[in-house]
């Protein structure tokens, strides 16, 4: 299939109440592994790249890789810019084949976030490109955070409603207590799952959960067995992700878990097979590890088998 808009994928997820994995990629190996997992699972999938990934791989080479893999895939694949903050990068993505972009103005005051988001929406929609926006501050929340401080970090449902009405965005990333990276929490995480339902009541759009990696214990342990120093790594429990999806999340961002799988596999192969010289012998098992992570996420998000039921 050719690349599709993220709106096409998320509107179906929103209508049928499931989640779609949005997997960050930097190169051929990550993209190939994730799309292979999606094809085998009959799951729609979102491939996304950060501004850092684009700087690393190059905008046009990255688009070419994902587009060619999508054309060979049997499931819908969208290509999305994650956390776009540079106007030039966002416009470049729109011009060169991304089917979705995120404008992240969450660090700005409300009015400024509205203004910059509305501008990107006007440009992107004219080109048939989906727009994700964000409101609220992404920060891991634990039980030692005061209630007032906690509420200040989270997305306000009525503010979210006004934001969507004033911007016309297609999907909204919300802050419910997750954060980026492998060390999301020191203690036990607290996610405002009930807040998702309250936002959904006001905002009928697909909602997005950033920082959703589980930081899986077996991946951390395997990496550390072969020399990694990942002490203190802790992520989002699976049951919290499932609950968030049941309450209205439709796009679930995954990055850290795939990095852990990739690096742990490389370390293990190097330790056990010091005679290797061909880089492909390192990358093949690493790709298999990424593929397994992606496949497990698709099961968790309930997107397995959903591609066949999407409108054509």
Protein backbone atom coordinates (compact mmCIF):
# COMPACT_ATOMS: atom_id res chain seq x y z
CA UNK A 1 0.00 0.00 0.00
CA UNK A 2 1.06 3.59 -0.44
CA UNK A 3 1.45 5.78 2.64
CA UNK A 4 -1.87 6.89 4.13
CA UNK A 5 -2.82 9.85 6.28
CA UNK A 6 -2.60 9.41 10.04
CA UNK A 7 -6.16 10.78 10.26
CA UNK A 8 -7.40 7.77 8.27
CA UNK A 9 -5.78 5.41 10.76
CA UNK A 10 -6.73 7.27 13.93
CA UNK A 11 -10.32 7.99 12.93
CA UNK A 12 -10.89 4.24 12.65
CA UNK A 13 -9.18 3.61 15.98
CA UNK A 14 -11.31 6.32 17.55
CA UNK A 15 -14.51 4.89 16.08
CA UNK A 16 -13.74 1.31 17.14
CA UNK A 17 -12.02 2.07 20.45
CA UNK A 18 -8.53 0.67 20.05
CA UNK A 19 -4.99 2.03 20.13
CA UNK A 20 -2.44 2.26 17.33
CA UNK A 21 1.28 2.11 17.99
CA UNK A 22 3.36 5.05 16.79
CA UNK A 23 6.94 3.80 16.65
CA UNK A 24 9.95 6.10 16.42
CA UNK A 25 12.51 5.12 13.79
CA UNK A 26 15.93 6.44 12.82
CA UNK A 27 16.96 4.10 10.02
CA UNK A 28 16.15 1.14 7.78
CA UNK A 29 16.47 -1.45 10.53
CA UNK A 30 13.90 0.09 12.87
CA UNK A 31 11.40 0.88 10.08
CA UNK A 32 11.71 -2.54 8.47
CA UNK A 33 11.23 -4.38 11.77
CA UNK A 34 8.15 -2.40 12.81
CA UNK A 35 6.40 -2.60 9.43
CA UNK A 36 7.10 -6.33 9.23
CA UNK A 37 5.48 -6.77 12.64
CA UNK A 38 2.45 -4.75 11.55
CA UNK A 39 2.02 -6.74 8.34
CA UNK A 40 2.12 -10.05 10.22
CA UNK A 41 -0.33 -8.73 12.82
CA UNK A 42 -2.72 -7.20 10.26
CA UNK A 43 -2.37 -3.98 12.24
CA UNK A 44 -2.39 -0.39 11.03
CA UNK A 45 0.82 1.32 12.10
CA UNK A 46 2.31 4.80 12.45
CA UNK A 47 5.99 5.25 11.73
CA UNK A 48 7.28 8.45 13.25
CA UNK A 49 10.54 10.36 13.23
CA UNK A 50 11.75 13.11 15.51
CA UNK A 51 13.64 16.16 14.35
CA UNK A 52 16.75 14.43 15.70
CA UNK A 53 16.08 11.34 13.59
CA UNK A 54 15.64 13.51 10.51
CA UNK A 55 18.93 15.26 11.24
CA UNK A 56 20.62 11.86 11.59
CA UNK A 57 19.15 10.03 8.59
CA UNK A 58 18.27 12.91 6.27
CA UNK A 59 14.70 13.91 5.42
CA UNK A 60 14.49 12.54 1.90
CA UNK A 61 16.34 9.25 2.59
CA UNK A 62 14.06 8.59 5.56
CA UNK A 63 10.93 9.26 3.52
CA UNK A 64 12.22 7.02 0.73
CA UNK A 65 12.86 4.15 3.16
CA UNK A 66 9.44 4.32 4.81
CA UNK A 67 7.56 4.90 1.56
CA UNK A 68 9.17 1.90 -0.13
CA UNK A 69 8.46 -0.35 2.85
CA UNK A 70 4.87 0.89 3.03
CA UNK A 71 4.33 0.08 -0.64
CA UNK A 72 5.31 -3.52 0.07
CA UNK A 73 3.20 -3.77 3.21
CA UNK A 74 -0.30 -5.24 3.36
CA UNK A 75 -1.48 -2.79 6.04
CA UNK A 76 -1.98 0.99 6.24
CA UNK A 77 1.21 2.87 7.19
CA UNK A 78 1.37 6.58 8.07
CA UNK A 79 4.58 8.62 8.31
CA UNK A 80 4.48 11.18 11.10
CA UNK A 81 6.79 13.92 12.41
CA UNK A 82 7.08 13.55 16.18
CA UNK A 83 7.46 16.68 18.35
CA UNK A 84 7.93 19.15 15.53
CA UNK A 85 9.06 22.52 16.86
CA UNK A 86 10.98 23.95 13.92
CA UNK A 87 8.74 25.60 11.33
CA UNK A 88 11.26 24.79 8.59
CA UNK A 89 11.41 21.11 9.53
CA UNK A 90 7.62 20.84 9.67
CA UNK A 91 7.22 22.45 6.25
CA UNK A 92 10.00 20.25 4.87
CA UNK A 93 8.17 17.15 6.09
CA UNK A 94 4.93 18.30 4.48
CA UNK A 95 6.68 18.99 1.18
CA UNK A 96 8.65 15.76 1.04
CA UNK A 97 6.02 13.14 1.79
CA UNK A 98 5.20 12.90 5.48
CA UNK A 99 1.48 12.22 5.79
CA UNK A 100 1.26 13.72 9.27
CA UNK A 101 3.10 16.26 11.40
CA UNK A 102 3.08 17.22 15.05
CA UNK A 103 3.38 20.85 16.06
CA UNK A 104 4.52 20.86 19.67
CA UNK A 105 3.70 24.21 21.23
CA UNK A 106 3.05 22.74 24.67
CA UNK A 107 5.87 24.82 26.16
CA UNK A 108 4.16 28.03 25.04
CA UNK A 109 1.40 30.02 26.75
CA UNK A 110 -2.07 28.91 25.64
CA UNK A 111 -2.68 31.75 23.17
CA UNK A 112 0.72 31.31 21.52
CA UNK A 113 0.22 27.55 21.28
CA UNK A 114 -3.13 28.15 19.60
CA UNK A 115 -1.65 30.63 17.13
CA UNK A 116 1.28 28.49 16.02
CA UNK A 117 -0.85 25.34 15.85
CA UNK A 118 -3.55 27.04 13.78
CA UNK A 119 -0.91 28.25 11.32
CA UNK A 120 0.47 24.73 10.82
CA UNK A 121 -3.05 23.30 10.51
CA UNK A 122 -3.86 25.71 7.68
CA UNK A 123 -0.70 24.79 5.77
CA UNK A 124 -0.88 21.04 6.41
CA UNK A 125 -4.56 20.61 5.67
CA UNK A 126 -4.11 22.36 2.33
CA UNK A 127 -1.68 19.55 1.46
CA UNK A 128 -3.88 16.77 2.88
CA UNK A 129 -1.55 16.22 5.86
CA UNK A 130 -2.77 15.35 9.37
CA UNK A 131 -1.82 17.53 12.34
CA UNK A 132 -1.24 16.42 15.93
CA UNK A 133 -0.90 19.10 18.60
CA UNK A 134 -0.17 18.99 22.31
CA UNK A 135 -1.49 20.72 25.41
CA UNK A 136 -0.21 20.14 28.93
CA UNK A 137 3.29 19.38 30.25
CA UNK A 138 4.78 15.91 29.90
CA UNK A 139 6.36 15.01 33.25
CA UNK A 140 6.38 11.82 35.25
CA UNK A 141 4.27 12.14 38.39
CA UNK A 142 4.82 10.18 41.60
CA UNK A 143 3.03 9.98 44.93
CA UNK A 144 5.28 12.60 46.55
CA UNK A 145 4.05 15.37 44.23
CA UNK A 146 1.61 17.82 45.78
CA UNK A 147 -1.91 17.84 44.33
CA UNK A 148 -1.67 21.45 43.15
CA UNK A 149 1.66 20.82 41.44
CA UNK A 150 0.30 17.64 39.87
CA UNK A 151 -2.76 19.38 38.47
CA UNK A 152 -0.60 22.16 37.00
CA UNK A 153 1.25 19.60 34.88
CA UNK A 154 -1.80 17.83 33.50
CA UNK A 155 -4.10 18.69 30.61
CA UNK A 156 -7.23 20.59 31.59
CA UNK A 157 -10.30 19.17 29.78
CA UNK A 158 -12.03 22.52 29.17
CA UNK A 159 -8.79 24.11 28.00
CA UNK A 160 -8.32 21.15 25.65
CA UNK A 161 -11.80 21.68 24.22
CA UNK A 162 -11.13 25.36 23.56
CA UNK A 163 -7.76 24.54 22.04
CA UNK A 164 -9.22 22.03 19.57
CA UNK A 165 -12.04 24.38 18.61
CA UNK A 166 -9.64 27.23 17.96
CA UNK A 167 -6.98 25.28 16.08
CA UNK A 168 -8.76 22.59 14.06
CA UNK A 169 -6.08 19.98 14.83
CA UNK A 170 -6.80 16.32 14.01
CA UNK A 171 -5.34 14.62 17.11
CA UNK A 172 -4.40 15.87 20.55
CA UNK A 173 -1.53 14.74 22.75
CA UNK A 174 -2.47 15.01 26.41
CA UNK A 175 -0.47 15.05 29.64
CA UNK A 176 -1.69 12.48 32.19
CA UNK A 177 1.57 11.81 34.06
CA UNK A 178 3.85 10.08 31.55
CA UNK A 179 7.29 11.30 30.47
CA UNK A 180 9.98 10.51 27.93
CA UNK A 181 13.06 8.34 28.39
CA UNK A 182 13.92 5.16 30.33
CA UNK A 183 13.78 6.73 33.80
CA UNK A 184 10.23 8.03 33.89
CA UNK A 185 9.82 7.52 37.65
CA UNK A 186 11.84 6.87 40.80
CA UNK A 187 8.91 5.55 42.82
CA UNK A 188 5.57 4.18 41.77
CA UNK A 189 4.01 5.98 38.81
CA UNK A 190 0.71 7.76 39.08
CA UNK A 191 -1.25 8.17 35.85
CA UNK A 192 -4.45 10.22 35.72
CA UNK A 193 -6.42 7.61 33.77
CA UNK A 194 -9.73 9.17 34.81
CA UNK A 195 -8.56 12.41 33.21
CA UNK A 196 -8.44 10.74 29.79
CA UNK A 197 -12.19 10.05 29.95
CA UNK A 198 -12.91 13.60 31.06
CA UNK A 199 -10.88 15.03 28.18
CA UNK A 200 -12.55 12.65 25.73
CA UNK A 201 -15.96 13.90 26.82
CA UNK A 202 -14.95 17.38 25.75
CA UNK A 203 -12.69 16.48 22.83
CA UNK A 204 -14.06 13.86 20.47
CA UNK A 205 -10.79 13.65 18.53
CA UNK A 206 -8.26 10.82 18.76
CA UNK A 207 -6.11 11.36 21.85
CA UNK A 208 -2.37 10.65 21.97
CA UNK A 209 -0.26 9.20 24.79
CA UNK A 210 3.40 10.20 24.68
CA UNK A 211 6.12 8.56 26.79
CA UNK A 212 4.27 5.24 26.89
CA UNK A 213 7.16 2.75 26.83
CA UNK A 214 7.04 0.10 29.53
CA UNK A 215 10.85 -0.05 29.97
CA UNK A 216 10.56 -3.81 30.07
CA UNK A 217 12.50 -5.50 32.86
CA UNK A 218 13.77 -8.36 30.69
CA UNK A 219 15.25 -5.93 28.16
CA UNK A 220 16.93 -3.90 30.90
CA UNK A 221 18.30 -7.01 32.58
CA UNK A 222 19.60 -8.44 29.30
CA UNK A 223 21.38 -5.20 28.45
CA UNK A 224 22.92 -4.92 31.90
CA UNK A 225 24.06 -8.54 31.73
CA UNK A 226 26.28 -7.49 28.86
CA UNK A 227 27.57 -4.23 30.29
CA UNK A 228 24.79 -1.64 29.94
CA UNK A 229 24.27 0.78 32.81
CA UNK A 230 20.55 1.36 32.92
CA UNK A 231 19.96 1.40 36.67
CA UNK A 232 16.77 3.10 37.77
CA UNK A 233 14.98 2.52 34.47
CA UNK A 234 11.23 2.38 35.03
CA UNK A 235 8.33 2.84 32.62
CA UNK A 236 4.55 2.65 32.26
CA UNK A 237 2.82 -0.57 33.40
CA UNK A 238 0.92 -2.44 30.69
CA UNK A 239 -2.36 -2.29 32.61
CA UNK A 240 -2.15 1.51 32.76
CA UNK A 241 -1.72 1.71 28.98
CA UNK A 242 -4.69 -0.61 28.44
CA UNK A 243 -6.81 1.49 30.80
CA UNK A 244 -5.80 4.68 29.00
CA UNK A 245 -6.87 3.18 25.66
CA UNK A 246 -10.20 2.07 27.11
CA UNK A 247 -10.77 5.64 28.28
CA UNK A 248 -10.02 7.30 24.94
CA UNK A 249 -6.34 7.12 23.93
CA UNK A 250 -5.95 6.08 20.27
CA UNK A 251 -2.28 6.76 19.44
CA UNK A 252 0.41 5.33 21.71
CA UNK A 253 4.01 6.49 21.22
CA UNK A 254 6.81 3.95 21.65
CA UNK A 255 10.52 4.74 21.42
CA UNK A 256 12.53 3.74 24.51
CA UNK A 257 11.47 0.08 24.51
CA UNK A 258 12.79 -0.37 20.97
CA UNK A 259 16.07 1.35 21.84
CA UNK A 260 16.51 -0.97 24.81
CA UNK A 261 15.80 -4.02 22.65
CA UNK A 262 18.19 -2.89 19.91
CA UNK A 263 21.12 -2.03 22.17
CA UNK A 264 20.69 -5.09 24.40
CA UNK A 265 20.73 -7.34 21.33
CA UNK A 266 23.85 -5.69 19.90
CA UNK A 267 25.65 -6.04 23.25
CA UNK A 268 24.68 -9.70 23.54
CA UNK A 269 25.80 -10.54 20.01
CA UNK A 270 29.13 -8.75 20.41
CA UNK A 271 29.78 -10.54 23.70
CA UNK A 272 28.91 -14.00 22.42
CA UNK A 273 30.30 -13.79 18.91
CA UNK A 274 33.56 -11.80 19.01
CA UNK A 275 34.60 -13.23 15.64
CA UNK A 276 31.89 -11.36 13.74
CA UNK A 277 32.93 -8.83 11.12
CA UNK A 278 29.78 -8.37 9.04
CA UNK A 279 27.54 -5.62 10.51
CA UNK A 280 24.50 -7.44 9.16
CA UNK A 281 25.18 -10.28 11.60
CA UNK A 282 24.78 -7.74 14.41
CA UNK A 283 21.75 -6.00 12.97
CA UNK A 284 19.61 -9.02 12.06
CA UNK A 285 19.08 -10.20 15.65
CA UNK A 286 18.63 -6.59 16.76
CA UNK A 287 15.90 -6.15 14.15
CA UNK A 288 14.23 -9.33 15.38
CA UNK A 289 14.22 -7.88 18.90
CA UNK A 290 12.61 -4.66 17.71
CA UNK A 291 10.04 -6.62 15.74
CA UNK A 292 9.10 -8.62 18.84
CA UNK A 293 8.67 -5.46 20.89
CA UNK A 294 6.44 -3.94 18.20
CA UNK A 295 4.38 -7.12 17.86
CA UNK A 296 3.80 -7.27 21.61
CA UNK A 297 2.71 -3.63 21.67
CA UNK A 298 0.20 -4.22 18.88
CA UNK A 299 -1.37 -7.00 20.94
CA UNK A 300 -1.43 -4.77 24.01
CA UNK A 301 -3.05 -1.90 22.11
CA UNK A 302 -5.69 -4.22 20.55
CA UNK A 303 -4.76 -3.24 16.99
CA UNK A 304 -4.09 -6.82 15.82
CA UNK A 305 -6.47 -7.78 12.98
CA UNK A 306 -7.88 -4.27 12.72
CA UNK A 307 -6.34 -3.38 9.33
CA UNK A 308 -8.67 -5.74 7.43
CA UNK A 309 -11.72 -4.05 8.91
CA UNK A 310 -10.77 -0.50 7.95
CA UNK A 311 -12.79 1.29 5.27
CA UNK A 312 -11.23 1.16 1.79
